[in-house]
Amino acid sequence: MRERKYRAWDIKEKKWISGGLAIDLGDNTLYWTEFGEMMEEAKDVILIDYIGRKDKNNKEIYKGDIVKYDLYEVERFPPRIGFIEWDNYYLRLAINDQRGNYIELRGDLWIEIIGNIYENPELLEKEDKNHKS
């Protein structure tokens, strides 16, 4: 069983929120707590799951992380960029390469976190431009 961890992105303020998750069982509402006090209802906060794996630099990988990955680790196949996503069709965690392909996260896949879809969406735009030409 994987470790359950979350981080939170404030949609309005466009920043990460420190703290932790709390659930009010009385009304089934999610709250994000900061410094031990209830901060706000999670309606303006995106809760992001830790996937239970780390990248090549030992950084925890979360859904929405933008990663550089290498399927073969040889020079003639340069690393590609995609983002971590839940593939609903195959019910698996995968890298979405933005061209309709999903690469399943396996133990032998070389992955390095280079950003995330919330703070660095331009990293995906650059990758898309590189493969249109």
N, C-alpha and C. Protein backbone atom coordinates (compact mmCIF):
# COMPACT_ATOMS: atom_id res chain seq x y z
N MET A 1 0.84 -1.19 0.00
CA MET A 1 0.00 0.00 0.00
C MET A 1 0.89 1.24 0.00
N ARG A 2 0.56 2.20 -0.87
CA ARG A 2 1.40 3.40 -0.97
C ARG A 2 1.06 4.41 0.13
N GLU A 3 2.05 5.21 0.43
CA GLU A 3 1.89 6.25 1.43
C GLU A 3 0.94 7.32 0.88
N ARG A 4 -0.04 7.73 1.68
CA ARG A 4 -1.00 8.77 1.27
C ARG A 4 -0.47 10.13 1.68
N LYS A 5 -0.12 10.94 0.69
CA LYS A 5 0.35 12.29 0.91
C LYS A 5 -0.30 13.19 -0.11
N TYR A 6 -0.44 14.45 0.23
CA TYR A 6 -1.03 15.42 -0.68
C TYR A 6 -0.25 16.72 -0.59
N ARG A 7 -0.36 17.49 -1.64
CA ARG A 7 0.03 18.89 -1.59
C ARG A 7 -1.16 19.66 -2.15
N ALA A 8 -1.20 20.96 -1.93
CA ALA A 8 -2.38 21.73 -2.32
C ALA A 8 -1.99 22.95 -3.11
N TRP A 9 -2.72 23.21 -4.21
CA TRP A 9 -2.52 24.37 -5.06
C TRP A 9 -3.71 25.29 -4.90
N ASP A 10 -3.45 26.53 -4.52
CA ASP A 10 -4.50 27.53 -4.37
C ASP A 10 -4.80 28.10 -5.75
N ILE A 11 -6.00 27.83 -6.27
CA ILE A 11 -6.38 28.22 -7.62
C ILE A 11 -6.41 29.74 -7.78
N LYS A 12 -6.98 30.43 -6.79
CA LYS A 12 -7.11 31.89 -6.89
C LYS A 12 -5.77 32.60 -6.76
N GLU A 13 -4.99 32.21 -5.76
CA GLU A 13 -3.72 32.88 -5.48
C GLU A 13 -2.57 32.35 -6.34
N LYS A 14 -2.80 31.21 -6.99
CA LYS A 14 -1.78 30.57 -7.83
C LYS A 14 -0.48 30.35 -7.06
N LYS A 15 -0.62 29.63 -5.93
CA LYS A 15 0.56 29.32 -5.12
C LYS A 15 0.30 28.05 -4.33
N TRP A 16 1.39 27.41 -3.89
CA TRP A 16 1.29 26.22 -3.05
C TRP A 16 0.92 26.65 -1.63
N ILE A 17 0.15 25.82 -0.97
CA ILE A 17 -0.28 26.09 0.40
C ILE A 17 0.39 25.06 1.30
N SER A 18 1.01 25.53 2.36
CA SER A 18 1.58 24.59 3.32
C SER A 18 0.46 24.13 4.25
N GLY A 19 0.66 23.01 4.87
CA GLY A 19 -0.35 22.51 5.80
C GLY A 19 -0.68 21.05 5.53
N GLY A 20 -1.90 20.65 5.83
CA GLY A 20 -2.31 19.27 5.66
C GLY A 20 -3.80 19.16 5.42
N LEU A 21 -4.23 17.97 5.13
CA LEU A 21 -5.62 17.70 4.80
C LEU A 21 -6.42 17.35 6.05
N ALA A 22 -7.62 17.88 6.14
CA ALA A 22 -8.54 17.52 7.22
C ALA A 22 -9.91 17.27 6.61
N ILE A 23 -10.63 16.32 7.14
CA ILE A 23 -11.96 16.00 6.64
C ILE A 23 -12.96 16.17 7.77
N ASP A 24 -13.99 16.96 7.54
CA ASP A 24 -15.07 17.12 8.51
C ASP A 24 -16.09 16.03 8.21
N LEU A 25 -16.11 15.02 9.04
CA LEU A 25 -17.00 13.89 8.79
C LEU A 25 -18.47 14.24 8.96
N GLY A 26 -18.75 15.35 9.66
CA GLY A 26 -20.13 15.77 9.86
C GLY A 26 -20.81 16.16 8.56
N ASP A 27 -20.11 16.88 7.72
CA ASP A 27 -20.73 17.30 6.45
C ASP A 27 -19.91 16.87 5.22
N ASN A 28 -18.98 15.92 5.41
CA ASN A 28 -18.15 15.40 4.32
C ASN A 28 -17.44 16.49 3.53
N THR A 29 -16.95 17.51 4.21
CA THR A 29 -16.25 18.61 3.56
C THR A 29 -14.76 18.44 3.76
N LEU A 30 -14.00 18.68 2.70
CA LEU A 30 -12.55 18.69 2.80
C LEU A 30 -12.09 20.09 3.18
N TYR A 31 -11.15 20.16 4.07
CA TYR A 31 -10.54 21.42 4.46
C TYR A 31 -9.04 21.28 4.35
N TRP A 32 -8.38 22.35 4.03
CA TRP A 32 -6.92 22.37 4.06
C TRP A 32 -6.53 23.14 5.31
N THR A 33 -5.68 22.57 6.11
CA THR A 33 -5.28 23.21 7.36
C THR A 33 -3.90 23.81 7.23
N GLU A 34 -3.70 24.91 7.89
CA GLU A 34 -2.39 25.56 7.91
C GLU A 34 -2.08 25.91 9.35
N PHE A 35 -0.94 25.44 9.81
CA PHE A 35 -0.50 25.70 11.19
C PHE A 35 -1.55 25.27 12.21
N GLY A 36 -2.22 24.14 11.94
CA GLY A 36 -3.15 23.57 12.90
C GLY A 36 -4.53 24.19 12.94
N GLU A 37 -4.81 25.20 12.12
CA GLU A 37 -6.13 25.82 12.09
C GLU A 37 -6.79 25.58 10.75
N MET A 38 -8.13 25.43 10.77
CA MET A 38 -8.85 25.28 9.52
C MET A 38 -8.68 26.54 8.68
N MET A 39 -8.26 26.38 7.45
CA MET A 39 -7.99 27.54 6.63
C MET A 39 -9.15 27.86 5.70
N GLU A 40 -9.53 26.91 4.90
CA GLU A 40 -10.60 27.17 3.95
C GLU A 40 -11.17 25.86 3.43
N GLU A 41 -12.37 25.93 2.93
CA GLU A 41 -12.93 24.78 2.25
C GLU A 41 -12.10 24.51 1.03
N ALA A 42 -12.01 23.27 0.64
CA ALA A 42 -11.14 22.89 -0.47
C ALA A 42 -11.71 23.23 -1.84
N LYS A 43 -12.76 24.04 -1.92
CA LYS A 43 -13.34 24.35 -3.22
C LYS A 43 -12.42 25.21 -4.09
N ASP A 44 -11.55 26.00 -3.48
CA ASP A 44 -10.60 26.82 -4.24
C ASP A 44 -9.20 26.24 -4.19
N VAL A 45 -9.11 24.99 -3.79
CA VAL A 45 -7.83 24.33 -3.64
C VAL A 45 -7.86 23.01 -4.40
N ILE A 46 -6.81 22.74 -5.15
CA ILE A 46 -6.68 21.45 -5.81
C ILE A 46 -5.78 20.59 -4.95
N LEU A 47 -6.28 19.45 -4.51
CA LEU A 47 -5.48 18.51 -3.74
C LEU A 47 -4.81 17.55 -4.72
N ILE A 48 -3.52 17.39 -4.59
CA ILE A 48 -2.74 16.62 -5.54
C ILE A 48 -2.10 15.44 -4.83
N ASP A 49 -2.32 14.25 -5.37
CA ASP A 49 -1.82 13.00 -4.77
C ASP A 49 -0.35 12.76 -5.06
N TYR A 50 0.35 12.28 -4.05
CA TYR A 50 1.68 11.70 -4.20
C TYR A 50 1.47 10.32 -4.80
N ILE A 51 2.23 9.94 -5.82
CA ILE A 51 1.98 8.66 -6.49
C ILE A 51 2.71 7.49 -5.85
N GLY A 52 3.51 7.77 -4.83
CA GLY A 52 4.20 6.68 -4.14
C GLY A 52 5.54 6.32 -4.76
N ARG A 53 6.05 7.17 -5.65
CA ARG A 53 7.34 6.92 -6.29
C ARG A 53 8.18 8.19 -6.26
N LYS A 54 9.47 8.03 -6.47
CA LYS A 54 10.39 9.16 -6.51
C LYS A 54 11.12 9.17 -7.85
N ASP A 55 11.58 10.37 -8.23
CA ASP A 55 12.31 10.48 -9.49
C ASP A 55 13.78 10.10 -9.28
N LYS A 56 14.59 10.26 -10.32
CA LYS A 56 16.00 9.86 -10.25
C LYS A 56 16.79 10.67 -9.22
N ASN A 57 16.26 11.85 -8.83
CA ASN A 57 16.92 12.69 -7.83
C ASN A 57 16.30 12.51 -6.44
N ASN A 58 15.50 11.48 -6.27
CA ASN A 58 14.85 11.14 -5.00
C ASN A 58 13.78 12.15 -4.59
N LYS A 59 13.20 12.90 -5.56
CA LYS A 59 12.11 13.82 -5.28
C LYS A 59 10.78 13.07 -5.42
N GLU A 60 9.86 13.32 -4.50
CA GLU A 60 8.55 12.69 -4.57
C GLU A 60 7.79 13.15 -5.81
N ILE A 61 7.17 12.20 -6.51
CA ILE A 61 6.42 12.51 -7.73
C ILE A 61 4.94 12.61 -7.39
N TYR A 62 4.32 13.72 -7.82
CA TYR A 62 2.90 13.97 -7.62
C TYR A 62 2.21 14.03 -8.98
N LYS A 63 0.92 13.73 -8.99
CA LYS A 63 0.15 13.90 -10.22
C LYS A 63 0.29 15.35 -10.66
N GLY A 64 0.41 15.58 -11.95
CA GLY A 64 0.58 16.93 -12.47
C GLY A 64 2.02 17.37 -12.59
N ASP A 65 2.96 16.58 -12.05
CA ASP A 65 4.36 16.94 -12.22
C ASP A 65 4.75 16.78 -13.68
N ILE A 66 5.53 17.73 -14.17
CA ILE A 66 6.08 17.64 -15.52
C ILE A 66 7.43 16.96 -15.40
N VAL A 67 7.62 15.93 -16.20
CA VAL A 67 8.82 15.11 -16.09
C VAL A 67 9.52 14.99 -17.43
N LYS A 68 10.84 14.89 -17.34
CA LYS A 68 11.64 14.51 -18.49
C LYS A 68 11.85 13.01 -18.31
N TYR A 69 11.62 12.25 -19.37
CA TYR A 69 11.74 10.81 -19.25
C TYR A 69 12.49 10.24 -20.44
N ASP A 70 13.10 9.13 -20.22
CA ASP A 70 13.90 8.48 -21.24
C ASP A 70 13.52 7.00 -21.23
N LEU A 71 12.98 6.53 -22.34
CA LEU A 71 12.57 5.14 -22.42
C LEU A 71 13.75 4.19 -22.62
N TYR A 72 14.80 4.68 -23.27
CA TYR A 72 15.87 3.78 -23.69
C TYR A 72 17.24 4.12 -23.11
N GLU A 73 17.41 5.34 -22.63
CA GLU A 73 18.69 5.80 -22.08
C GLU A 73 19.84 5.63 -23.08
N VAL A 74 19.56 5.93 -24.35
CA VAL A 74 20.62 5.94 -25.36
C VAL A 74 20.52 7.25 -26.12
N GLU A 75 21.63 7.68 -26.69
CA GLU A 75 21.70 9.00 -27.30
C GLU A 75 20.76 9.19 -28.49
N ARG A 76 20.53 8.17 -29.29
CA ARG A 76 19.73 8.40 -30.50
C ARG A 76 18.25 8.62 -30.20
N PHE A 77 17.83 8.36 -28.98
CA PHE A 77 16.46 8.65 -28.55
C PHE A 77 16.53 9.67 -27.43
N PRO A 78 16.45 10.96 -27.76
CA PRO A 78 16.59 11.98 -26.71
C PRO A 78 15.44 11.92 -25.71
N PRO A 79 15.68 12.41 -24.49
CA PRO A 79 14.60 12.44 -23.49
C PRO A 79 13.41 13.25 -23.99
N ARG A 80 12.23 12.88 -23.53
CA ARG A 80 10.99 13.56 -23.89
C ARG A 80 10.42 14.21 -22.64
N ILE A 81 9.37 15.04 -22.82
CA ILE A 81 8.72 15.70 -21.70
C ILE A 81 7.24 15.37 -21.72
N GLY A 82 6.68 15.07 -20.56
CA GLY A 82 5.26 14.81 -20.41
C GLY A 82 4.87 15.12 -18.98
N PHE A 83 3.62 14.77 -18.62
CA PHE A 83 3.21 15.01 -17.25
C PHE A 83 2.51 13.80 -16.67
N ILE A 84 2.57 13.69 -15.34
CA ILE A 84 2.02 12.54 -14.62
C ILE A 84 0.51 12.68 -14.54
N GLU A 85 -0.19 11.61 -14.91
CA GLU A 85 -1.64 11.65 -14.98
C GLU A 85 -2.20 10.26 -14.72
N TRP A 86 -3.45 10.22 -14.31
CA TRP A 86 -4.16 8.95 -14.17
C TRP A 86 -4.79 8.63 -15.52
N ASP A 87 -4.43 7.49 -16.10
CA ASP A 87 -4.97 7.05 -17.38
C ASP A 87 -6.24 6.26 -17.10
N ASN A 88 -7.40 6.91 -17.29
CA ASN A 88 -8.68 6.28 -16.96
C ASN A 88 -8.99 5.06 -17.82
N TYR A 89 -8.51 5.05 -19.05
CA TYR A 89 -8.82 3.94 -19.95
C TYR A 89 -8.18 2.64 -19.45
N TYR A 90 -6.89 2.71 -19.08
CA TYR A 90 -6.19 1.52 -18.62
C TYR A 90 -6.08 1.44 -17.10
N LEU A 91 -6.65 2.42 -16.40
CA LEU A 91 -6.61 2.47 -14.94
C LEU A 91 -5.19 2.32 -14.41
N ARG A 92 -4.35 3.26 -14.81
CA ARG A 92 -2.95 3.21 -14.39
C ARG A 92 -2.39 4.62 -14.32
N LEU A 93 -1.34 4.77 -13.55
CA LEU A 93 -0.58 6.02 -13.55
C LEU A 93 0.34 6.00 -14.75
N ALA A 94 0.39 7.11 -15.46
CA ALA A 94 1.16 7.14 -16.69
C ALA A 94 1.69 8.53 -16.94
N ILE A 95 2.62 8.61 -17.88
CA ILE A 95 3.08 9.89 -18.39
C ILE A 95 2.26 10.19 -19.64
N ASN A 96 1.61 11.34 -19.66
CA ASN A 96 0.86 11.79 -20.83
C ASN A 96 1.84 12.57 -21.69
N ASP A 97 2.11 12.10 -22.90
CA ASP A 97 3.09 12.79 -23.75
C ASP A 97 2.45 13.84 -24.64
N GLN A 98 1.18 14.14 -24.43
CA GLN A 98 0.43 15.19 -25.14
C GLN A 98 0.17 14.88 -26.60
N ARG A 99 0.51 13.70 -27.06
CA ARG A 99 0.22 13.31 -28.43
C ARG A 99 -0.72 12.12 -28.46
N GLY A 100 -1.45 11.94 -27.35
CA GLY A 100 -2.38 10.82 -27.26
C GLY A 100 -1.76 9.53 -26.78
N ASN A 101 -0.50 9.58 -26.38
CA ASN A 101 0.18 8.39 -25.88
C ASN A 101 0.34 8.45 -24.37
N TYR A 102 0.22 7.32 -23.74
CA TYR A 102 0.46 7.19 -22.31
C TYR A 102 1.56 6.17 -22.12
N ILE A 103 2.57 6.55 -21.36
CA ILE A 103 3.67 5.65 -21.06
C ILE A 103 3.50 5.22 -19.61
N GLU A 104 3.27 3.94 -19.40
CA GLU A 104 3.03 3.45 -18.05
C GLU A 104 4.28 3.64 -17.20
N LEU A 105 4.06 4.04 -15.94
CA LEU A 105 5.19 4.22 -15.02
C LEU A 105 5.66 2.85 -14.57
N ARG A 106 6.88 2.52 -14.97
CA ARG A 106 7.47 1.24 -14.60
C ARG A 106 8.76 1.51 -13.84
N GLY A 107 9.25 0.49 -13.19
CA GLY A 107 10.47 0.64 -12.40
C GLY A 107 11.70 1.00 -13.21
N ASP A 108 11.74 0.60 -14.50
CA ASP A 108 12.93 0.84 -15.30
C ASP A 108 12.86 2.12 -16.11
N LEU A 109 11.85 2.94 -15.90
CA LEU A 109 11.68 4.18 -16.65
C LEU A 109 12.43 5.30 -15.95
N TRP A 110 13.34 5.96 -16.66
CA TRP A 110 14.13 7.06 -16.12
C TRP A 110 13.28 8.31 -16.11
N ILE A 111 13.06 8.92 -14.93
CA ILE A 111 12.18 10.08 -14.79
C ILE A 111 12.89 11.16 -13.97
N GLU A 112 12.75 12.42 -14.43
CA GLU A 112 13.27 13.55 -13.65
C GLU A 112 12.19 14.63 -13.64
N ILE A 113 11.79 15.09 -12.46
CA ILE A 113 10.81 16.17 -12.33
C ILE A 113 11.49 17.47 -12.75
N ILE A 114 10.82 18.21 -13.67
CA ILE A 114 11.37 19.50 -14.10
C ILE A 114 10.39 20.64 -13.81
N GLY A 115 9.21 20.33 -13.30
CA GLY A 115 8.22 21.36 -12.98
C GLY A 115 6.88 20.71 -12.72
N ASN A 116 5.81 21.50 -12.84
CA ASN A 116 4.46 20.95 -12.68
C ASN A 116 3.50 21.77 -13.54
N ILE A 117 2.33 21.22 -13.79
CA ILE A 117 1.37 21.85 -14.71
C ILE A 117 0.77 23.14 -14.15
N TYR A 118 0.92 23.39 -12.86
CA TYR A 118 0.35 24.58 -12.24
C TYR A 118 1.29 25.77 -12.33
N GLU A 119 2.56 25.55 -12.04
CA GLU A 119 3.54 26.64 -12.04
C GLU A 119 4.28 26.79 -13.37
N ASN A 120 4.42 25.70 -14.11
CA ASN A 120 5.28 25.71 -15.30
C ASN A 120 4.61 25.14 -16.55
N PRO A 121 3.40 25.56 -16.88
CA PRO A 121 2.75 24.99 -18.07
C PRO A 121 3.51 25.26 -19.36
N GLU A 122 4.35 26.28 -19.36
CA GLU A 122 5.12 26.62 -20.56
C GLU A 122 6.11 25.51 -20.94
N LEU A 123 6.50 24.67 -19.98
CA LEU A 123 7.40 23.55 -20.29
C LEU A 123 6.73 22.58 -21.26
N LEU A 124 5.42 22.40 -21.12
CA LEU A 124 4.70 21.52 -22.04
C LEU A 124 4.53 22.18 -23.40
N GLU A 125 4.35 23.48 -23.43
CA GLU A 125 4.22 24.21 -24.69
C GLU A 125 5.51 24.10 -25.49
N LYS A 126 6.66 24.21 -24.82
CA LYS A 126 7.95 24.09 -25.50
C LYS A 126 8.10 22.71 -26.11
N GLU A 127 7.72 21.67 -25.38
CA GLU A 127 7.82 20.31 -25.89
C GLU A 127 6.93 20.12 -27.10
N ASP A 128 5.73 20.67 -27.05
CA ASP A 128 4.79 20.56 -28.17
C ASP A 128 5.37 21.23 -29.42
N LYS A 129 5.97 22.41 -29.27
CA LYS A 129 6.57 23.11 -30.41
C LYS A 129 7.74 22.34 -30.99
N ASN A 130 8.54 21.69 -30.12
CA ASN A 130 9.68 20.92 -30.58
C ASN A 130 9.29 19.75 -31.47
N HIS A 131 8.08 19.22 -31.28
CA HIS A 131 7.69 18.04 -32.04
C HIS A 131 6.73 18.35 -33.20
N LYS A 132 6.43 19.61 -33.40
CA LYS A 132 5.61 19.98 -34.56
C LYS A 132 6.47 20.27 -35.78
N SER A 133 7.69 20.63 -35.55
CA SER A 133 8.57 20.98 -36.67
C SER A 133 9.27 19.77 -37.25
